[in-house]
Every structure is written in C-alpha cells, then in structure tokens.
Amino acid sequence: MTSEATPAPMFQRIAIIGIGLIGSSIARAVRTRGLAGHIAIADRSADHLERAEALGLGDSCMPAPTPRSWAPIS
C-alpha cells in the first residue's frame, strides 16, 4: 500500500463575487479539483446564496453589498 501526500491547494483562499451560472461553475470546478483551501462566496441574491450553501459550493457565504450608485431611487 502506498501513501501519496495530498498536494497543497494552489490558493489558500478565493472569493467568488456573484454565484449565478458562471460563478457556481467556477466554484464547483475549484472545489472538485481542490484548487483552494477556502472558497468565499458573495452574492446580492439570498436565493443564490441559499442554493450555493445547499450544494456545498462555498466554505463561507455572505451577502454582497449593493453600491450606493446602484441602489434604487425612491
């Protein structure tokens, strides 16, 4: 029986801003290939964050702040 050392991840931590179709694909690829020790996810959509958490795409998920210039005008 041989024991191979698990290679260290290429990145200690990555952040993915926006976990829609492209962001979730990147997160899944990073997770599958073990490229990062920690995956942080941010998105303005609570639904997207809940889905990402349910799928285990990130180690930490947080709401992305809305820039003041993008805030709806009331």
N, C-alpha and C. Protein backbone atom coordinates (compact mmCIF):
# COMPACT_ATOMS: atom_id res chain seq x y z
N MET A 1 0.85 -1.18 0.00
CA MET A 1 0.00 0.00 0.00
C MET A 1 0.89 1.23 0.00
N THR A 2 0.65 2.12 -0.93
CA THR A 2 1.43 3.35 -1.00
C THR A 2 0.61 4.49 -0.45
N SER A 3 1.30 5.40 0.20
CA SER A 3 0.58 6.58 0.69
C SER A 3 1.12 7.79 -0.05
N GLU A 4 0.24 8.42 -0.78
CA GLU A 4 0.62 9.63 -1.52
C GLU A 4 0.22 10.84 -0.71
N ALA A 5 1.11 11.80 -0.63
CA ALA A 5 0.79 13.04 0.07
C ALA A 5 -0.20 13.83 -0.78
N THR A 6 -1.19 14.38 -0.12
CA THR A 6 -2.15 15.22 -0.82
C THR A 6 -1.47 16.55 -1.13
N PRO A 7 -1.46 16.96 -2.38
CA PRO A 7 -0.80 18.23 -2.71
C PRO A 7 -1.53 19.40 -2.07
N ALA A 8 -0.76 20.40 -1.70
CA ALA A 8 -1.36 21.61 -1.11
C ALA A 8 -2.16 22.34 -2.18
N PRO A 9 -3.26 22.98 -1.78
CA PRO A 9 -4.04 23.74 -2.76
C PRO A 9 -3.20 24.85 -3.40
N MET A 10 -3.53 25.18 -4.63
CA MET A 10 -2.84 26.24 -5.34
C MET A 10 -3.05 27.60 -4.66
N PHE A 11 -4.25 27.80 -4.11
CA PHE A 11 -4.61 29.05 -3.45
C PHE A 11 -5.09 28.75 -2.04
N GLN A 12 -4.71 29.61 -1.08
CA GLN A 12 -5.22 29.44 0.28
C GLN A 12 -6.71 29.76 0.32
N ARG A 13 -7.08 30.84 -0.33
CA ARG A 13 -8.46 31.32 -0.26
C ARG A 13 -8.80 32.02 -1.57
N ILE A 14 -10.01 31.77 -2.06
CA ILE A 14 -10.50 32.53 -3.21
C ILE A 14 -11.87 33.11 -2.86
N ALA A 15 -12.22 34.18 -3.52
CA ALA A 15 -13.54 34.80 -3.35
C ALA A 15 -14.22 34.83 -4.70
N ILE A 16 -15.48 34.44 -4.71
CA ILE A 16 -16.28 34.48 -5.92
C ILE A 16 -17.42 35.45 -5.66
N ILE A 17 -17.45 36.52 -6.42
CA ILE A 17 -18.48 37.54 -6.29
C ILE A 17 -19.50 37.28 -7.38
N GLY A 18 -20.68 36.86 -6.98
CA GLY A 18 -21.73 36.50 -7.93
C GLY A 18 -21.72 35.00 -8.14
N ILE A 19 -22.73 34.33 -7.62
CA ILE A 19 -22.76 32.87 -7.66
C ILE A 19 -23.89 32.39 -8.56
N GLY A 20 -24.03 33.05 -9.71
CA GLY A 20 -25.00 32.61 -10.70
C GLY A 20 -24.43 31.45 -11.50
N LEU A 21 -24.76 31.38 -12.75
CA LEU A 21 -24.34 30.26 -13.60
C LEU A 21 -22.81 30.15 -13.70
N ILE A 22 -22.16 31.25 -14.01
CA ILE A 22 -20.70 31.21 -14.18
C ILE A 22 -19.99 31.07 -12.84
N GLY A 23 -20.39 31.86 -11.86
CA GLY A 23 -19.75 31.78 -10.54
C GLY A 23 -19.88 30.41 -9.91
N SER A 24 -21.06 29.81 -10.03
CA SER A 24 -21.25 28.48 -9.44
C SER A 24 -20.44 27.42 -10.19
N SER A 25 -20.28 27.59 -11.49
CA SER A 25 -19.45 26.66 -12.27
C SER A 25 -17.99 26.75 -11.84
N ILE A 26 -17.53 27.97 -11.62
CA ILE A 26 -16.15 28.16 -11.16
C ILE A 26 -15.98 27.56 -9.77
N ALA A 27 -16.93 27.84 -8.87
CA ALA A 27 -16.84 27.30 -7.51
C ALA A 27 -16.81 25.78 -7.52
N ARG A 28 -17.66 25.18 -8.33
CA ARG A 28 -17.71 23.71 -8.41
C ARG A 28 -16.39 23.15 -8.93
N ALA A 29 -15.81 23.79 -9.96
CA ALA A 29 -14.54 23.32 -10.52
C ALA A 29 -13.40 23.47 -9.51
N VAL A 30 -13.37 24.59 -8.81
CA VAL A 30 -12.34 24.81 -7.79
C VAL A 30 -12.46 23.77 -6.68
N ARG A 31 -13.70 23.52 -6.24
CA ARG A 31 -13.94 22.53 -5.17
C ARG A 31 -13.54 21.13 -5.64
N THR A 32 -13.98 20.74 -6.82
CA THR A 32 -13.72 19.40 -7.34
C THR A 32 -12.22 19.14 -7.51
N ARG A 33 -11.50 20.14 -7.97
CA ARG A 33 -10.07 19.96 -8.24
C ARG A 33 -9.19 20.27 -7.03
N GLY A 34 -9.80 20.73 -5.93
CA GLY A 34 -9.02 21.03 -4.73
C GLY A 34 -8.04 22.18 -4.92
N LEU A 35 -8.44 23.18 -5.70
CA LEU A 35 -7.53 24.28 -6.02
C LEU A 35 -7.41 25.33 -4.92
N ALA A 36 -8.36 25.36 -3.98
CA ALA A 36 -8.34 26.38 -2.93
C ALA A 36 -8.67 25.74 -1.58
N GLY A 37 -8.01 26.24 -0.54
CA GLY A 37 -8.28 25.76 0.80
C GLY A 37 -9.61 26.26 1.33
N HIS A 38 -10.02 27.45 0.89
CA HIS A 38 -11.26 28.06 1.36
C HIS A 38 -11.91 28.81 0.19
N ILE A 39 -13.20 28.60 0.01
CA ILE A 39 -13.95 29.31 -1.04
C ILE A 39 -14.96 30.22 -0.35
N ALA A 40 -14.80 31.52 -0.56
CA ALA A 40 -15.74 32.50 -0.01
C ALA A 40 -16.64 32.98 -1.15
N ILE A 41 -17.94 33.01 -0.89
CA ILE A 41 -18.92 33.39 -1.91
C ILE A 41 -19.71 34.60 -1.44
N ALA A 42 -19.92 35.54 -2.35
CA ALA A 42 -20.77 36.70 -2.06
C ALA A 42 -21.73 36.90 -3.23
N ASP A 43 -22.97 37.23 -2.91
CA ASP A 43 -23.97 37.49 -3.94
C ASP A 43 -25.04 38.38 -3.34
N ARG A 44 -25.67 39.21 -4.17
CA ARG A 44 -26.76 40.06 -3.70
C ARG A 44 -28.05 39.28 -3.53
N SER A 45 -28.17 38.13 -4.17
CA SER A 45 -29.39 37.34 -4.13
C SER A 45 -29.34 36.31 -2.99
N ALA A 46 -30.27 36.44 -2.05
CA ALA A 46 -30.35 35.47 -0.95
C ALA A 46 -30.65 34.07 -1.48
N ASP A 47 -31.46 33.99 -2.54
CA ASP A 47 -31.78 32.69 -3.14
C ASP A 47 -30.53 32.01 -3.69
N HIS A 48 -29.69 32.78 -4.36
CA HIS A 48 -28.46 32.21 -4.92
C HIS A 48 -27.54 31.72 -3.80
N LEU A 49 -27.45 32.50 -2.72
CA LEU A 49 -26.60 32.10 -1.60
C LEU A 49 -27.11 30.82 -0.94
N GLU A 50 -28.43 30.74 -0.74
CA GLU A 50 -29.01 29.54 -0.13
C GLU A 50 -28.73 28.31 -0.99
N ARG A 51 -28.89 28.46 -2.28
CA ARG A 51 -28.65 27.34 -3.20
C ARG A 51 -27.17 26.93 -3.18
N ALA A 52 -26.28 27.91 -3.18
CA ALA A 52 -24.84 27.62 -3.14
C ALA A 52 -24.48 26.89 -1.85
N GLU A 53 -25.06 27.33 -0.73
CA GLU A 53 -24.81 26.65 0.54
C GLU A 53 -25.33 25.22 0.51
N ALA A 54 -26.53 25.04 -0.03
CA ALA A 54 -27.13 23.70 -0.11
C ALA A 54 -26.28 22.76 -0.96
N LEU A 55 -25.66 23.30 -2.00
CA LEU A 55 -24.82 22.49 -2.89
C LEU A 55 -23.39 22.32 -2.36
N GLY A 56 -23.05 23.04 -1.28
CA GLY A 56 -21.71 22.95 -0.73
C GLY A 56 -20.65 23.59 -1.59
N LEU A 57 -21.03 24.65 -2.31
CA LEU A 57 -20.08 25.29 -3.22
C LEU A 57 -19.08 26.19 -2.52
N GLY A 58 -19.42 26.70 -1.35
CA GLY A 58 -18.52 27.61 -0.65
C GLY A 58 -18.34 27.22 0.79
N ASP A 59 -17.22 27.65 1.37
CA ASP A 59 -16.97 27.43 2.79
C ASP A 59 -17.59 28.54 3.62
N SER A 60 -17.72 29.71 3.02
CA SER A 60 -18.43 30.81 3.68
C SER A 60 -19.21 31.57 2.61
N CYS A 61 -20.44 31.93 2.96
CA CYS A 61 -21.32 32.64 2.05
C CYS A 61 -21.80 33.91 2.74
N MET A 62 -21.78 35.02 2.02
CA MET A 62 -22.19 36.29 2.61
C MET A 62 -22.88 37.15 1.58
N PRO A 63 -23.80 38.01 2.03
CA PRO A 63 -24.45 38.91 1.08
C PRO A 63 -23.46 39.95 0.57
N ALA A 64 -23.52 40.22 -0.71
CA ALA A 64 -22.67 41.26 -1.30
C ALA A 64 -23.35 42.61 -1.11
N PRO A 65 -22.60 43.60 -0.68
CA PRO A 65 -23.22 44.92 -0.50
C PRO A 65 -23.61 45.53 -1.85
N THR A 66 -24.68 46.28 -1.82
CA THR A 66 -25.11 46.99 -3.02
C THR A 66 -24.47 48.38 -3.01
N PRO A 67 -23.68 48.69 -4.02
CA PRO A 67 -23.08 50.02 -4.07
C PRO A 67 -24.15 51.10 -4.07
N ARG A 68 -23.88 52.20 -3.43
CA ARG A 68 -24.86 53.29 -3.34
C ARG A 68 -25.30 53.76 -4.72
N SER A 69 -24.38 53.75 -5.68
CA SER A 69 -24.74 54.23 -7.01
C SER A 69 -25.71 53.28 -7.71
N TRP A 70 -25.81 52.03 -7.24
CA TRP A 70 -26.74 51.08 -7.84
C TRP A 70 -28.04 50.98 -7.07
N ALA A 71 -28.09 51.61 -5.91
CA ALA A 71 -29.28 51.49 -5.06
C ALA A 71 -30.48 52.09 -5.77
N PRO A 72 -31.65 51.46 -5.61
CA PRO A 72 -32.85 52.01 -6.24
C PRO A 72 -33.17 53.41 -5.73
N ILE A 73 -33.65 54.23 -6.61
CA ILE A 73 -34.03 55.60 -6.23
C ILE A 73 -35.49 55.57 -5.80
N SER A 74 -35.74 56.11 -4.62
CA SER A 74 -37.13 56.10 -4.15
C SER A 74 -37.77 57.46 -4.22
